[in-house]
Amino acid sequence: MSTARLRLRRAPLHAAAVVTIVLCLFPVYWMITTAFKPNRDIQSASPQFLPHTWTLEHFRTAVDADGFALFWRNSILVTLSAVLLALIVALGASFAVARMRWRGRRQFMLLVFVAQMAPWEALIIPVYIISRDTGMLDRLPTLTLVYFMMTLPFTIVVLRGFIAAIPQELEEAAQVDGCTRMRAFRHITFPLLAPGLMATSLFGYVTAWNEFAYANFLIIKHQDSRTLPVWLSSFQNVFGTDWGATMAASTLFALPALVVFLLLQRHVTSGFAAGAVKG
């Protein structure tokens, strides 16, 4: 097949890719440009794709808003704690499933897949009732546990496939040389899990960082325990129709997730691909 015919056949795919990229990125582009526009350009009847003049006033308004630093700290604390806890538990569970033979192993993985597919929004009311009856409402540890449960099934599935893809003979050779099973895992298998750990960490970070429903329903009375998504939802009420400040706050909120993704993007694809290997 000639190069020209091949390009012609691929043209619809390329066009579809371009349309998809534009549809996905245009809202982000509009959010960022609006954050830098003066109010007269934002309120103009004719939309402007680029600001005539650039301003940082909206960012100063967002940063100076009440509770910005406190809610930022709450989000970072809850997100990092949930991701770290999920990685620790998932490492042990995925190793047990991939390397050991025990009764109920297949049933356990089936339950993990069911938990992964379950819509977490449907569990808001049961989680709320449990939190209320146990005195865990309006507390950041409650959000940490909820986000931990949300990210744990996916982390187990990916790491299980990743561990299964690593030859078990490497650990057995280390054990022959005198290493214990735990030491062989720590020195041989664990370093090879870096792409999988980064991929699952990114998924858990984005999930916990952007989560709104549970943070809104479980943190009601103690406003100092709110996270950034909840604070962002009330931003418009605080500033009325100040869309520039709202878009600036949204840009600051999205920035950490974007930075983490850019730092880990090299390992994400290989981690997900390796996690898909059947063990």
C-alpha atoms as a PDB file:
ATOM      1  CA  MET A   1       0.000   0.000   0.000  1.00  0.00           C
ATOM      2  CA  SER A   2       1.386   3.405  -0.943  1.00  0.00           C
ATOM      3  CA  THR A   3       2.167   6.060   1.624  1.00  0.00           C
ATOM      4  CA  ALA A   4      -0.476   8.413   0.195  1.00  0.00           C
ATOM      5  CA  ARG A   5      -3.245   5.800   0.470  1.00  0.00           C
ATOM      6  CA  LEU A   6      -2.119   4.910   3.978  1.00  0.00           C
ATOM      7  CA  ARG A   7      -2.286   8.545   5.035  1.00  0.00           C
ATOM      8  CA  LEU A   8      -5.718   8.870   3.427  1.00  0.00           C
ATOM      9  CA  ARG A   9      -7.026   5.891   5.373  1.00  0.00           C
ATOM     10  CA  ARG A  10      -5.634   7.285   8.596  1.00  0.00           C
ATOM     11  CA  ALA A  11      -7.042  10.776   8.012  1.00  0.00           C
ATOM     12  CA  PRO A  12     -10.389  10.070   9.781  1.00  0.00           C
ATOM     13  CA  LEU A  13      -8.514   8.720  12.799  1.00  0.00           C
ATOM     14  CA  HIS A  14      -6.302  11.782  12.927  1.00  0.00           C
ATOM     15  CA  ALA A  15      -9.322  14.066  12.567  1.00  0.00           C
ATOM     16  CA  ALA A  16     -11.117  12.255  15.374  1.00  0.00           C
ATOM     17  CA  ALA A  17      -8.033  12.557  17.576  1.00  0.00           C
ATOM     18  CA  VAL A  18      -7.795  16.300  16.906  1.00  0.00           C
ATOM     19  CA  VAL A  19     -11.490  16.831  17.689  1.00  0.00           C
ATOM     20  CA  THR A  20     -11.169  14.833  20.917  1.00  0.00           C
ATOM     21  CA  ILE A  21      -8.132  16.811  22.041  1.00  0.00           C
ATOM     22  CA  VAL A  22      -9.823  20.130  21.300  1.00  0.00           C
ATOM     23  CA  LEU A  23     -13.005  19.160  23.157  1.00  0.00           C
ATOM     24  CA  CYS A  24     -11.012  18.001  26.185  1.00  0.00           C
ATOM     25  CA  LEU A  25      -8.540  20.873  26.354  1.00  0.00           C
ATOM     26  CA  PHE A  26     -10.713  23.841  25.410  1.00  0.00           C
ATOM     27  CA  PRO A  27     -12.505  24.058  28.830  1.00  0.00           C
ATOM     28  CA  VAL A  28      -9.110  23.997  30.545  1.00  0.00           C
ATOM     29  CA  TYR A  29      -7.785  26.652  28.172  1.00  0.00           C
ATOM     30  CA  TRP A  30     -10.844  28.843  28.778  1.00  0.00           C
ATOM     31  CA  MET A  31     -10.499  28.467  32.550  1.00  0.00           C
ATOM     32  CA  ILE A  32      -6.841  29.519  32.529  1.00  0.00           C
ATOM     33  CA  THR A  33      -7.284  32.449  30.147  1.00  0.00           C
ATOM     34  CA  THR A  34     -10.302  33.713  32.094  1.00  0.00           C
ATOM     35  CA  ALA A  35      -8.196  33.710  35.250  1.00  0.00           C
ATOM     36  CA  PHE A  36      -5.823  36.200  33.599  1.00  0.00           C
ATOM     37  CA  LYS A  37      -8.492  38.424  31.993  1.00  0.00           C
ATOM     38  CA  PRO A  38      -9.593  41.705  33.572  1.00  0.00           C
ATOM     39  CA  ASN A  39     -13.235  41.922  34.584  1.00  0.00           C
ATOM     40  CA  ARG A  40     -14.190  44.056  31.610  1.00  0.00           C
ATOM     41  CA  ASP A  41     -13.026  41.331  29.205  1.00  0.00           C
ATOM     42  CA  ILE A  42     -14.805  38.603  31.195  1.00  0.00           C
ATOM     43  CA  GLN A  43     -18.087  40.507  31.195  1.00  0.00           C
ATOM     44  CA  SER A  44     -17.795  41.549  27.576  1.00  0.00           C
ATOM     45  CA  ALA A  45     -20.657  40.517  25.279  1.00  0.00           C
ATOM     46  CA  SER A  46     -18.189  39.282  22.659  1.00  0.00           C
ATOM     47  CA  PRO A  47     -16.011  36.358  23.839  1.00  0.00           C
ATOM     48  CA  GLN A  48     -12.258  36.922  23.649  1.00  0.00           C
ATOM     49  CA  PHE A  49     -10.037  33.892  23.215  1.00  0.00           C
ATOM     50  CA  LEU A  50      -6.958  35.782  24.379  1.00  0.00           C
ATOM     51  CA  PRO A  51      -6.839  38.543  27.005  1.00  0.00           C
ATOM     52  CA  HIS A  52      -6.081  41.992  25.646  1.00  0.00           C
ATOM     53  CA  THR A  53      -4.326  42.733  28.919  1.00  0.00           C
ATOM     54  CA  TRP A  54      -3.099  40.207  31.466  1.00  0.00           C
ATOM     55  CA  THR A  55      -3.729  40.579  35.189  1.00  0.00           C
ATOM     56  CA  LEU A  56      -2.863  38.656  38.352  1.00  0.00           C
ATOM     57  CA  GLU A  57      -5.533  40.359  40.431  1.00  0.00           C
ATOM     58  CA  HIS A  58      -7.829  37.340  40.383  1.00  0.00           C
ATOM     59  CA  PHE A  59      -5.076  35.093  41.715  1.00  0.00           C
ATOM     60  CA  ARG A  60      -4.395  37.535  44.545  1.00  0.00           C
ATOM     61  CA  THR A  61      -8.096  37.525  45.374  1.00  0.00           C
ATOM     62  CA  ALA A  62      -8.191  33.732  45.448  1.00  0.00           C
ATOM     63  CA  VAL A  63      -5.062  33.372  47.584  1.00  0.00           C
ATOM     64  CA  ASP A  64      -6.249  36.035  50.046  1.00  0.00           C
ATOM     65  CA  ALA A  65      -9.648  34.341  50.469  1.00  0.00           C
ATOM     66  CA  ASP A  66     -10.467  33.053  53.935  1.00  0.00           C
ATOM     67  CA  GLY A  67      -9.269  29.503  54.552  1.00  0.00           C
ATOM     68  CA  PHE A  68      -7.266  29.069  51.352  1.00  0.00           C
ATOM     69  CA  ALA A  69      -4.072  27.916  53.073  1.00  0.00           C
ATOM     70  CA  LEU A  70      -6.000  25.797  55.611  1.00  0.00           C
ATOM     71  CA  PHE A  71      -8.080  23.967  52.998  1.00  0.00           C
ATOM     72  CA  TRP A  72      -4.992  23.466  50.843  1.00  0.00           C
ATOM     73  CA  ARG A  73      -3.261  21.815  53.796  1.00  0.00           C
ATOM     74  CA  ASN A  74      -6.306  19.626  54.478  1.00  0.00           C
ATOM     75  CA  SER A  75      -6.441  18.405  50.881  1.00  0.00           C
ATOM     76  CA  ILE A  76      -2.731  17.590  50.767  1.00  0.00           C
ATOM     77  CA  LEU A  77      -2.856  15.800  54.128  1.00  0.00           C
ATOM     78  CA  VAL A  78      -5.902  13.693  53.262  1.00  0.00           C
ATOM     79  CA  THR A  79      -4.738  12.874  49.732  1.00  0.00           C
ATOM     80  CA  LEU A  80      -1.187  11.843  50.617  1.00  0.00           C
ATOM     81  CA  SER A  81      -2.331   9.825  53.639  1.00  0.00           C
ATOM     82  CA  ALA A  82      -4.927   7.919  51.604  1.00  0.00           C
ATOM     83  CA  VAL A  83      -2.493   7.174  48.766  1.00  0.00           C
ATOM     84  CA  LEU A  84       0.273   6.020  51.118  1.00  0.00           C
ATOM     85  CA  LEU A  85      -2.095   3.810  53.110  1.00  0.00           C
ATOM     86  CA  ALA A  86      -3.535   2.275  49.931  1.00  0.00           C
ATOM     87  CA  LEU A  87      -0.044   1.501  48.594  1.00  0.00           C
ATOM     88  CA  ILE A  88       1.048  -0.195  51.819  1.00  0.00           C
ATOM     89  CA  VAL A  89      -2.054  -2.401  52.083  1.00  0.00           C
ATOM     90  CA  ALA A  90      -2.202  -3.112  48.337  1.00  0.00           C
ATOM     91  CA  LEU A  91       1.442  -4.211  48.265  1.00  0.00           C
ATOM     92  CA  GLY A  92       0.783  -6.931  50.806  1.00  0.00           C
ATOM     93  CA  ALA A  93      -2.517  -8.008  49.247  1.00  0.00           C
ATOM     94  CA  SER A  94      -1.202  -8.079  45.673  1.00  0.00           C
ATOM     95  CA  PHE A  95       1.895 -10.029  46.714  1.00  0.00           C
ATOM     96  CA  ALA A  96      -0.259 -12.594  48.503  1.00  0.00           C
ATOM     97  CA  VAL A  97      -2.509 -13.003  45.461  1.00  0.00           C
ATOM     98  CA  ALA A  98       0.284 -13.116  42.881  1.00  0.00           C
ATOM     99  CA  ARG A  99       2.845 -15.250  44.726  1.00  0.00           C
ATOM    100  CA  MET A 100       0.984 -17.413  47.220  1.00  0.00           C
ATOM    101  CA  ARG A 101      -1.544 -20.205  46.790  1.00  0.00           C
ATOM    102  CA  TRP A 102      -4.329 -20.162  49.349  1.00  0.00           C
ATOM    103  CA  ARG A 103      -7.989 -21.108  49.458  1.00  0.00           C
ATOM    104  CA  GLY A 104     -10.311 -18.315  48.396  1.00  0.00           C
ATOM    105  CA  ARG A 105      -7.711 -16.448  46.344  1.00  0.00           C
ATOM    106  CA  ARG A 106      -9.902 -16.278  43.220  1.00  0.00           C
ATOM    107  CA  GLN A 107     -12.947 -15.287  45.249  1.00  0.00           C
ATOM    108  CA  PHE A 108     -10.924 -12.540  46.884  1.00  0.00           C
ATOM    109  CA  MET A 109      -9.941 -11.089  43.502  1.00  0.00           C
ATOM    110  CA  LEU A 110     -13.548 -11.320  42.351  1.00  0.00           C
ATOM    111  CA  LEU A 111     -14.608  -9.232  45.349  1.00  0.00           C
ATOM    112  CA  VAL A 112     -11.860  -6.730  44.573  1.00  0.00           C
ATOM    113  CA  PHE A 113     -13.158  -6.362  41.007  1.00  0.00           C
ATOM    114  CA  VAL A 114     -16.711  -5.945  42.316  1.00  0.00           C
ATOM    115  CA  ALA A 115     -15.553  -3.227  44.698  1.00  0.00           C
ATOM    116  CA  GLN A 116     -13.712  -1.528  41.831  1.00  0.00           C
ATOM    117  CA  MET A 117     -16.834  -1.486  39.653  1.00  0.00           C
ATOM    118  CA  ALA A 118     -19.235  -0.392  42.406  1.00  0.00           C
ATOM    119  CA  PRO A 119     -20.434   3.236  42.120  1.00  0.00           C
ATOM    120  CA  TRP A 120     -19.148   4.954  45.233  1.00  0.00           C
ATOM    121  CA  GLU A 121     -21.841   7.627  45.018  1.00  0.00           C
ATOM    122  CA  ALA A 122     -24.403   4.933  45.865  1.00  0.00           C
ATOM    123  CA  LEU A 123     -22.636   4.333  49.190  1.00  0.00           C
ATOM    124  CA  ILE A 124     -22.760   7.927  50.427  1.00  0.00           C
ATOM    125  CA  ILE A 125     -25.789   7.385  52.660  1.00  0.00           C
ATOM    126  CA  PRO A 126     -24.478   4.143  54.317  1.00  0.00           C
ATOM    127  CA  VAL A 127     -21.067   5.761  54.860  1.00  0.00           C
ATOM    128  CA  TYR A 128     -22.742   8.831  56.328  1.00  0.00           C
ATOM    129  CA  ILE A 129     -24.833   6.738  58.728  1.00  0.00           C
ATOM    130  CA  ILE A 130     -21.805   4.714  59.837  1.00  0.00           C
ATOM    131  CA  SER A 131     -19.750   7.875  60.340  1.00  0.00           C
ATOM    132  CA  ARG A 132     -22.559   9.505  62.312  1.00  0.00           C
ATOM    133  CA  ASP A 133     -23.137   6.503  64.573  1.00  0.00           C
ATOM    134  CA  THR A 134     -19.425   6.092  65.291  1.00  0.00           C
ATOM    135  CA  GLY A 135     -18.792   9.780  65.941  1.00  0.00           C
ATOM    136  CA  MET A 136     -16.559  10.154  62.880  1.00  0.00           C
ATOM    137  CA  LEU A 137     -18.410  12.988  61.154  1.00  0.00           C
ATOM    138  CA  ASP A 138     -16.579  16.271  60.475  1.00  0.00           C
ATOM    139  CA  ARG A 139     -13.151  14.635  60.822  1.00  0.00           C
ATOM    140  CA  LEU A 140     -10.357  14.426  58.284  1.00  0.00           C
ATOM    141  CA  PRO A 141      -9.431  10.814  59.221  1.00  0.00           C
ATOM    142  CA  THR A 142     -12.894   9.795  58.004  1.00  0.00           C
ATOM    143  CA  LEU A 143     -12.194  11.272  54.569  1.00  0.00           C
ATOM    144  CA  THR A 144      -8.804   9.587  54.566  1.00  0.00           C
ATOM    145  CA  LEU A 145     -10.378   6.177  55.187  1.00  0.00           C
ATOM    146  CA  VAL A 146     -13.039   6.762  52.511  1.00  0.00           C
ATOM    147  CA  TYR A 147     -10.453   7.753  49.897  1.00  0.00           C
ATOM    148  CA  PHE A 148      -8.319   4.791  50.957  1.00  0.00           C
ATOM    149  CA  MET A 149     -11.240   2.434  50.284  1.00  0.00           C
ATOM    150  CA  MET A 150     -11.947   4.109  46.942  1.00  0.00           C
ATOM    151  CA  THR A 151      -8.393   3.702  45.625  1.00  0.00           C
ATOM    152  CA  LEU A 152      -7.486   0.339  47.203  1.00  0.00           C
ATOM    153  CA  PRO A 153      -9.240  -2.035  44.708  1.00  0.00           C
ATOM    154  CA  PHE A 154      -7.643  -0.424  41.657  1.00  0.00           C
ATOM    155  CA  THR A 155      -4.235  -0.399  43.356  1.00  0.00           C
ATOM    156  CA  ILE A 156      -4.490  -4.113  44.193  1.00  0.00           C
ATOM    157  CA  VAL A 157      -5.508  -5.037  40.638  1.00  0.00           C
ATOM    158  CA  VAL A 158      -2.651  -3.122  39.001  1.00  0.00           C
ATOM    159  CA  LEU A 159       0.072  -4.171  41.450  1.00  0.00           C
ATOM    160  CA  ARG A 160      -1.069  -7.795  41.352  1.00  0.00           C
ATOM    161  CA  GLY A 161      -0.590  -7.894  37.581  1.00  0.00           C
ATOM    162  CA  PHE A 162       2.718  -6.116  37.886  1.00  0.00           C
ATOM    163  CA  ILE A 163       4.085  -8.550  40.489  1.00  0.00           C
ATOM    164  CA  ALA A 164       2.860 -11.499  38.413  1.00  0.00           C
ATOM    165  CA  ALA A 165       4.851 -10.183  35.454  1.00  0.00           C
ATOM    166  CA  ILE A 166       8.120 -10.296  37.435  1.00  0.00           C
ATOM    167  CA  PRO A 167       9.730 -13.773  37.252  1.00  0.00           C
ATOM    168  CA  GLN A 168       9.471 -15.527  40.570  1.00  0.00           C
ATOM    169  CA  GLU A 169      12.817 -17.179  39.882  1.00  0.00           C
ATOM    170  CA  LEU A 170      14.539 -13.890  40.763  1.00  0.00           C
ATOM    171  CA  GLU A 171      13.240 -14.091  44.318  1.00  0.00           C
ATOM    172  CA  GLU A 172      14.006 -17.810  44.543  1.00  0.00           C
ATOM    173  CA  ALA A 173      17.611 -17.191  43.458  1.00  0.00           C
ATOM    174  CA  ALA A 174      17.968 -14.553  46.167  1.00  0.00           C
ATOM    175  CA  GLN A 175      16.560 -16.967  48.737  1.00  0.00           C
ATOM    176  CA  VAL A 176      19.074 -19.604  47.665  1.00  0.00           C
ATOM    177  CA  ASP A 177      21.812 -17.044  48.359  1.00  0.00           C
ATOM    178  CA  GLY A 178      20.538 -16.627  51.925  1.00  0.00           C
ATOM    179  CA  CYS A 179      17.854 -13.930  51.710  1.00  0.00           C
ATOM    180  CA  THR A 180      14.596 -14.326  53.543  1.00  0.00           C
ATOM    181  CA  ARG A 181      11.391 -14.078  51.536  1.00  0.00           C
ATOM    182  CA  MET A 182      10.723 -10.566  52.810  1.00  0.00           C
ATOM    183  CA  ARG A 183      14.274  -9.440  52.129  1.00  0.00           C
ATOM    184  CA  ALA A 184      14.182 -10.920  48.624  1.00  0.00           C
ATOM    185  CA  PHE A 185      10.973  -9.031  47.925  1.00  0.00           C
ATOM    186  CA  ARG A 186      12.412  -5.783  49.277  1.00  0.00           C
ATOM    187  CA  HIS A 187      15.686  -5.959  47.324  1.00  0.00           C
ATOM    188  CA  ILE A 188      14.593  -7.746  44.133  1.00  0.00           C
ATOM    189  CA  THR A 189      10.885  -7.275  43.410  1.00  0.00           C
ATOM    190  CA  PHE A 190      10.140  -3.945  45.038  1.00  0.00           C
ATOM    191  CA  PRO A 191      12.589  -1.881  42.920  1.00  0.00           C
ATOM    192  CA  LEU A 192      11.017  -3.356  39.764  1.00  0.00           C
ATOM    193  CA  LEU A 193       7.588  -2.180  40.905  1.00  0.00           C
ATOM    194  CA  ALA A 194       8.434   1.519  40.541  1.00  0.00           C
ATOM    195  CA  PRO A 195       6.347   2.105  37.358  1.00  0.00           C
ATOM    196  CA  GLY A 196       3.345   0.314  38.853  1.00  0.00           C
ATOM    197  CA  LEU A 197       3.646   2.199  42.131  1.00  0.00           C
ATOM    198  CA  MET A 198       3.807   5.518  40.295  1.00  0.00           C
ATOM    199  CA  ALA A 199       0.835   4.686  38.079  1.00  0.00           C
ATOM    200  CA  THR A 200      -1.359   3.666  41.005  1.00  0.00           C
ATOM    201  CA  SER A 201      -0.151   6.620  43.066  1.00  0.00           C
ATOM    202  CA  LEU A 202      -1.175   8.990  40.293  1.00  0.00           C
ATOM    203  CA  PHE A 203      -4.627   7.419  40.044  1.00  0.00           C
ATOM    204  CA  GLY A 204      -5.112   7.555  43.806  1.00  0.00           C
ATOM    205  CA  TYR A 205      -3.842  11.118  44.024  1.00  0.00           C
ATOM    206  CA  VAL A 206      -6.144  12.432  41.309  1.00  0.00           C
ATOM    207  CA  THR A 207      -9.130  10.527  42.720  1.00  0.00           C
ATOM    208  CA  ALA A 208      -8.671  11.790  46.272  1.00  0.00           C
ATOM    209  CA  TRP A 209      -7.639  15.313  45.261  1.00  0.00           C
ATOM    210  CA  ASN A 210     -10.713  15.902  43.071  1.00  0.00           C
ATOM    211  CA  GLU A 211     -13.306  14.087  45.204  1.00  0.00           C
ATOM    212  CA  PHE A 212     -16.205  16.335  46.201  1.00  0.00           C
ATOM    213  CA  ALA A 213     -19.295  14.329  47.195  1.00  0.00           C
ATOM    214  CA  TYR A 214     -17.951  12.636  50.344  1.00  0.00           C
ATOM    215  CA  ALA A 215     -16.056  15.736  51.444  1.00  0.00           C
ATOM    216  CA  ASN A 216     -19.271  17.741  51.126  1.00  0.00           C
ATOM    217  CA  PHE A 217     -21.494  15.256  52.996  1.00  0.00           C
ATOM    218  CA  LEU A 218     -19.099  14.131  55.738  1.00  0.00           C
ATOM    219  CA  ILE A 219     -17.727  17.575  56.670  1.00  0.00           C
ATOM    220  CA  ILE A 220     -20.751  19.646  57.673  1.00  0.00           C
ATOM    221  CA  LYS A 221     -20.274  21.454  60.990  1.00  0.00           C
ATOM    222  CA  HIS A 222     -16.515  21.912  61.251  1.00  0.00           C
ATOM    223  CA  GLN A 223     -15.781  24.172  58.309  1.00  0.00           C
ATOM    224  CA  ASP A 224     -12.059  24.167  59.129  1.00  0.00           C
ATOM    225  CA  SER A 225     -11.946  20.504  58.071  1.00  0.00           C
ATOM    226  CA  ARG A 226     -13.157  21.188  54.532  1.00  0.00           C
ATOM    227  CA  THR A 227     -11.000  20.392  51.517  1.00  0.00           C
ATOM    228  CA  LEU A 228     -10.324  22.445  48.405  1.00  0.00           C
ATOM    229  CA  PRO A 229     -13.139  20.999  46.236  1.00  0.00           C
ATOM    230  CA  VAL A 230     -15.732  21.975  48.852  1.00  0.00           C
ATOM    231  CA  TRP A 231     -14.155  25.386  49.309  1.00  0.00           C
ATOM    232  CA  LEU A 232     -14.154  25.870  45.559  1.00  0.00           C
ATOM    233  CA  SER A 233     -17.863  25.065  45.340  1.00  0.00           C
ATOM    234  CA  SER A 234     -18.636  27.915  47.752  1.00  0.00           C
ATOM    235  CA  PHE A 235     -16.228  30.313  46.092  1.00  0.00           C
ATOM    236  CA  GLN A 236     -18.862  31.815  43.853  1.00  0.00           C
ATOM    237  CA  ASN A 237     -21.118  32.460  46.835  1.00  0.00           C
ATOM    238  CA  VAL A 238     -18.310  34.317  48.562  1.00  0.00           C
ATOM    239  CA  PHE A 239     -17.383  36.479  45.588  1.00  0.00           C
ATOM    240  CA  GLY A 240     -20.766  36.742  43.895  1.00  0.00           C
ATOM    241  CA  THR A 241     -20.268  37.033  40.141  1.00  0.00           C
ATOM    242  CA  ASP A 242     -16.488  37.377  40.278  1.00  0.00           C
ATOM    243  CA  TRP A 243     -15.802  34.723  37.637  1.00  0.00           C
ATOM    244  CA  GLY A 244     -12.178  35.786  37.333  1.00  0.00           C
ATOM    245  CA  ALA A 245     -11.465  34.881  40.957  1.00  0.00           C
ATOM    246  CA  THR A 246     -13.409  31.640  40.569  1.00  0.00           C
ATOM    247  CA  MET A 247     -11.375  30.621  37.511  1.00  0.00           C
ATOM    248  CA  ALA A 248      -8.144  31.618  39.252  1.00  0.00           C
ATOM    249  CA  ALA A 249      -9.049  29.420  42.226  1.00  0.00           C
ATOM    250  CA  SER A 250      -9.897  26.568  39.848  1.00  0.00           C
ATOM    251  CA  THR A 251      -6.534  26.960  38.109  1.00  0.00           C
ATOM    252  CA  LEU A 252      -4.674  26.838  41.419  1.00  0.00           C
ATOM    253  CA  PHE A 253      -6.707  23.795  42.408  1.00  0.00           C
ATOM    254  CA  ALA A 254      -5.856  21.934  39.180  1.00  0.00           C
ATOM    255  CA  LEU A 255      -2.166  22.867  39.226  1.00  0.00           C
ATOM    256  CA  PRO A 256      -0.906  20.224  41.727  1.00  0.00           C
ATOM    257  CA  ALA A 257      -2.576  17.353  39.845  1.00  0.00           C
ATOM    258  CA  LEU A 258      -1.092  18.628  36.586  1.00  0.00           C
ATOM    259  CA  VAL A 259       2.406  18.850  38.093  1.00  0.00           C
ATOM    260  CA  VAL A 260       2.184  15.336  39.541  1.00  0.00           C
ATOM    261  CA  PHE A 261       1.014  13.964  36.198  1.00  0.00           C
ATOM    262  CA  LEU A 262       3.837  15.656  34.290  1.00  0.00           C
ATOM    263  CA  LEU A 263       6.377  14.235  36.735  1.00  0.00           C
ATOM    264  CA  LEU A 264       5.028  10.682  36.533  1.00  0.00           C
ATOM    265  CA  GLN A 265       3.777  10.482  32.946  1.00  0.00           C
ATOM    266  CA  ARG A 266       6.812   8.497  31.732  1.00  0.00           C
ATOM    267  CA  HIS A 267       5.966   5.666  34.084  1.00  0.00           C
ATOM    268  CA  VAL A 268       2.174   5.731  33.888  1.00  0.00           C
ATOM    269  CA  THR A 269       1.787   3.960  30.534  1.00  0.00           C
ATOM    270  CA  SER A 270       4.289   1.224  31.334  1.00  0.00           C
ATOM    271  CA  GLY A 271       2.768   0.764  34.780  1.00  0.00           C
ATOM    272  CA  PHE A 272      -0.767   0.320  33.473  1.00  0.00           C
ATOM    273  CA  ALA A 273       0.425  -1.974  30.652  1.00  0.00           C
ATOM    274  CA  ALA A 274       2.379  -4.174  33.047  1.00  0.00           C
ATOM    275  CA  GLY A 275      -0.540  -4.235  35.475  1.00  0.00           C
ATOM    276  CA  ALA A 276      -2.757  -5.637  32.738  1.00  0.00           C
ATOM    277  CA  VAL A 277      -0.634  -8.807  32.360  1.00  0.00           C
ATOM    278  CA  LYS A 278      -2.490 -11.896  33.485  1.00  0.00           C
ATOM    279  CA  GLY A 279      -0.865 -13.499  36.483  1.00  0.00           C
END
